[in-house]
C-alpha atoms as a PDB file:
ATOM      1  CA  MET A   1      12.885   9.693   3.081  1.00  0.00           C
ATOM      2  CA  LEU A   2      14.890   7.866   5.698  1.00  0.00           C
ATOM      3  CA  PHE A   3      16.166   4.404   4.731  1.00  0.00           C
ATOM      4  CA  VAL A   4      16.703   1.701   7.343  1.00  0.00           C
ATOM      5  CA  SER A   5      18.245  -1.703   6.758  1.00  0.00           C
ATOM      6  CA  GLY A   6      15.766  -4.534   7.114  1.00  0.00           C
ATOM      7  CA  GLU A   7      18.268  -6.399   9.243  1.00  0.00           C
ATOM      8  CA  LYS A   8      18.384  -3.631  11.894  1.00  0.00           C
ATOM      9  CA  PRO A   9      14.976  -3.935  13.625  1.00  0.00           C
ATOM     10  CA  GLU A  10      16.174  -1.961  16.629  1.00  0.00           C
ATOM     11  CA  ARG A  11      16.341   1.048  14.297  1.00  0.00           C
ATOM     12  CA  PHE A  12      12.765   0.789  12.950  1.00  0.00           C
ATOM     13  CA  PRO A  13      11.072   2.677  15.827  1.00  0.00           C
ATOM     14  CA  LYS A  14      13.937   5.169  16.003  1.00  0.00           C
ATOM     15  CA  ALA A  15      13.496   5.943  12.328  1.00  0.00           C
ATOM     16  CA  LEU A  16       9.761   6.535  12.770  1.00  0.00           C
ATOM     17  CA  ALA A  17      10.455   8.857  15.694  1.00  0.00           C
ATOM     18  CA  ALA A  18      13.131  10.826  13.796  1.00  0.00           C
ATOM     19  CA  GLY A  19      10.630  13.067  12.038  1.00  0.00           C
ATOM     20  CA  ALA A  20      11.286  11.997   8.448  1.00  0.00           C
ATOM     21  CA  ASP A  21       8.421  12.411   5.991  1.00  0.00           C
ATOM     22  CA  LEU A  22       8.741   8.750   5.026  1.00  0.00           C
ATOM     23  CA  VAL A  23      10.619   5.752   6.405  1.00  0.00           C
ATOM     24  CA  CYS A  24      11.701   3.023   4.005  1.00  0.00           C
ATOM     25  CA  ILE A  25      12.686  -0.391   5.336  1.00  0.00           C
ATOM     26  CA  ASP A  26      15.154  -1.770   2.794  1.00  0.00           C
ATOM     27  CA  LEU A  27      15.083  -5.513   2.132  1.00  0.00           C
ATOM     28  CA  GLU A  28      17.140  -5.162  -1.043  1.00  0.00           C
ATOM     29  CA  ASP A  29      20.618  -3.582  -1.149  1.00  0.00           C
ATOM     30  CA  ALA A  30      20.917  -3.070   2.607  1.00  0.00           C
ATOM     31  CA  VAL A  31      20.565  -6.780   3.419  1.00  0.00           C
ATOM     32  CA  ALA A  32      23.103  -9.466   2.532  1.00  0.00           C
ATOM     33  CA  PRO A  33      21.683 -12.471   0.641  1.00  0.00           C
ATOM     34  CA  PRO A  34      22.018 -14.945   3.540  1.00  0.00           C
ATOM     35  CA  ASP A  35      20.051 -12.561   5.801  1.00  0.00           C
ATOM     36  CA  LYS A  36      17.160 -11.623   3.505  1.00  0.00           C
ATOM     37  CA  ASP A  37      14.638 -14.204   4.741  1.00  0.00           C
ATOM     38  CA  ALA A  38      15.296 -13.386   8.394  1.00  0.00           C
ATOM     39  CA  ALA A  39      15.039  -9.631   7.722  1.00  0.00           C
ATOM     40  CA  ARG A  40      11.691 -10.096   5.955  1.00  0.00           C
ATOM     41  CA  ASP A  41      10.353 -12.289   8.773  1.00  0.00           C
ATOM     42  CA  THR A  42      11.446  -9.747  11.379  1.00  0.00           C
ATOM     43  CA  LEU A  43       9.827  -6.898   9.478  1.00  0.00           C
ATOM     44  CA  GLN A  44       6.600  -8.855   9.060  1.00  0.00           C
ATOM     45  CA  GLY A  45       6.457  -9.437  12.819  1.00  0.00           C
ATOM     46  CA  TRP A  46       7.038  -5.738  13.532  1.00  0.00           C
ATOM     47  CA  LEU A  47       4.587  -4.223  11.039  1.00  0.00           C
ATOM     48  CA  ARG A  48       1.403  -2.680  12.452  1.00  0.00           C
ATOM     49  CA  PRO A  49      -1.026  -0.083  11.102  1.00  0.00           C
ATOM     50  CA  GLY A  50       0.621   2.460  13.413  1.00  0.00           C
ATOM     51  CA  HIS A  51       4.040   1.633  11.941  1.00  0.00           C
ATOM     52  CA  ALA A  52       3.370   2.845   8.402  1.00  0.00           C
ATOM     53  CA  VAL A  53       6.496   2.435   6.276  1.00  0.00           C
ATOM     54  CA  ILE A  54       7.572   2.026   2.689  1.00  0.00           C
ATOM     55  CA  VAL A  55       9.181  -1.359   1.988  1.00  0.00           C
ATOM     56  CA  ARG A  56      11.905  -1.693  -0.617  1.00  0.00           C
ATOM     57  CA  ILE A  57      11.606  -5.235  -1.905  1.00  0.00           C
ATOM     58  CA  ASN A  58      13.959  -7.320  -4.007  1.00  0.00           C
ATOM     59  CA  SER A  59      13.571  -7.244  -7.777  1.00  0.00           C
ATOM     60  CA  ALA A  60      11.501  -9.776  -9.725  1.00  0.00           C
ATOM     61  CA  ASP A  61      14.566 -11.609 -10.994  1.00  0.00           C
ATOM     62  CA  THR A  62      15.654 -12.675  -7.489  1.00  0.00           C
ATOM     63  CA  PRO A  63      14.676 -15.701  -5.415  1.00  0.00           C
ATOM     64  CA  TRP A  64      13.296 -13.365  -2.688  1.00  0.00           C
ATOM     65  CA  PHE A  65      10.743 -11.530  -4.839  1.00  0.00           C
ATOM     66  CA  ALA A  66       7.750 -13.832  -4.242  1.00  0.00           C
ATOM     67  CA  ALA A  67       8.118 -13.800  -0.462  1.00  0.00           C
ATOM     68  CA  ASP A  68       8.735 -10.042  -0.448  1.00  0.00           C
ATOM     69  CA  LEU A  69       5.659  -9.583  -2.629  1.00  0.00           C
ATOM     70  CA  ALA A  70       3.545 -11.507  -0.115  1.00  0.00           C
ATOM     71  CA  LEU A  71       4.529  -8.926   2.502  1.00  0.00           C
ATOM     72  CA  CYS A  72       3.242  -5.990   0.421  1.00  0.00           C
ATOM     73  CA  GLY A  73      -0.354  -6.252   1.605  1.00  0.00           C
ATOM     74  CA  ALA A  74       0.505  -6.428   5.307  1.00  0.00           C
ATOM     75  CA  PRO A  75      -0.916  -3.815   7.682  1.00  0.00           C
ATOM     76  CA  GLY A  76       1.610  -1.021   8.047  1.00  0.00           C
ATOM     77  CA  VAL A  77       2.963  -1.207   4.504  1.00  0.00           C
ATOM     78  CA  ALA A  78       2.154   2.271   3.199  1.00  0.00           C
ATOM     79  CA  GLY A  79       3.932   1.722  -0.088  1.00  0.00           C
ATOM     80  CA  VAL A  80       6.368  -0.460  -1.974  1.00  0.00           C
ATOM     81  CA  MET A  81       9.601   0.506  -3.678  1.00  0.00           C
ATOM     82  CA  LEU A  82      10.496  -1.903  -6.471  1.00  0.00           C
ATOM     83  CA  PRO A  83      14.044  -1.684  -7.809  1.00  0.00           C
ATOM     84  CA  LYS A  84      14.978  -2.576 -11.349  1.00  0.00           C
ATOM     85  CA  ALA A  85      11.402  -2.807 -12.627  1.00  0.00           C
ATOM     86  CA  GLU A  86      11.619  -3.619 -16.315  1.00  0.00           C
ATOM     87  CA  ARG A  87       8.224  -5.099 -17.165  1.00  0.00           C
ATOM     88  CA  PRO A  88       4.715  -3.711 -16.699  1.00  0.00           C
ATOM     89  CA  GLU A  89       3.594  -7.160 -15.520  1.00  0.00           C
ATOM     90  CA  THR A  90       5.905  -6.893 -12.516  1.00  0.00           C
ATOM     91  CA  LEU A  91       4.409  -3.543 -11.557  1.00  0.00           C
ATOM     92  CA  ALA A  92       0.930  -5.051 -11.877  1.00  0.00           C
ATOM     93  CA  GLN A  93       1.951  -7.888  -9.542  1.00  0.00           C
ATOM     94  CA  VAL A  94       3.154  -5.405  -6.922  1.00  0.00           C
ATOM     95  CA  ALA A  95       0.018  -3.281  -7.264  1.00  0.00           C
ATOM     96  CA  ALA A  96      -2.214  -6.346  -6.877  1.00  0.00           C
ATOM     97  CA  ALA A  97      -0.298  -7.565  -3.830  1.00  0.00           C
ATOM     98  CA  GLY A  98      -0.679  -4.210  -2.100  1.00  0.00           C
ATOM     99  CA  ALA A  99      -4.398  -4.004  -2.835  1.00  0.00           C
ATOM    100  CA  ARG A 100      -5.350  -6.951  -0.630  1.00  0.00           C
END
């Protein structure tokens, strides 16, 4: 799995072309708090069915979780990586968001 920072959109297509089994766009640790909303918006604009990636979202105890969760059902999101999952309800929320 190849991880790419969500604030480096110029690297998204390069990562897909690199031959990795999976590409994960990281909105969590790789993005500084002031840049998280912009990174998510950029990723949302880039996602397409032909750009299938895993998205690492911010944990449920952060102010970015709800907006990240809304992105989970977008075309091109092949899977979601949820850090620091501590409650089954949070996993159910992510599963429901991706099933849209």
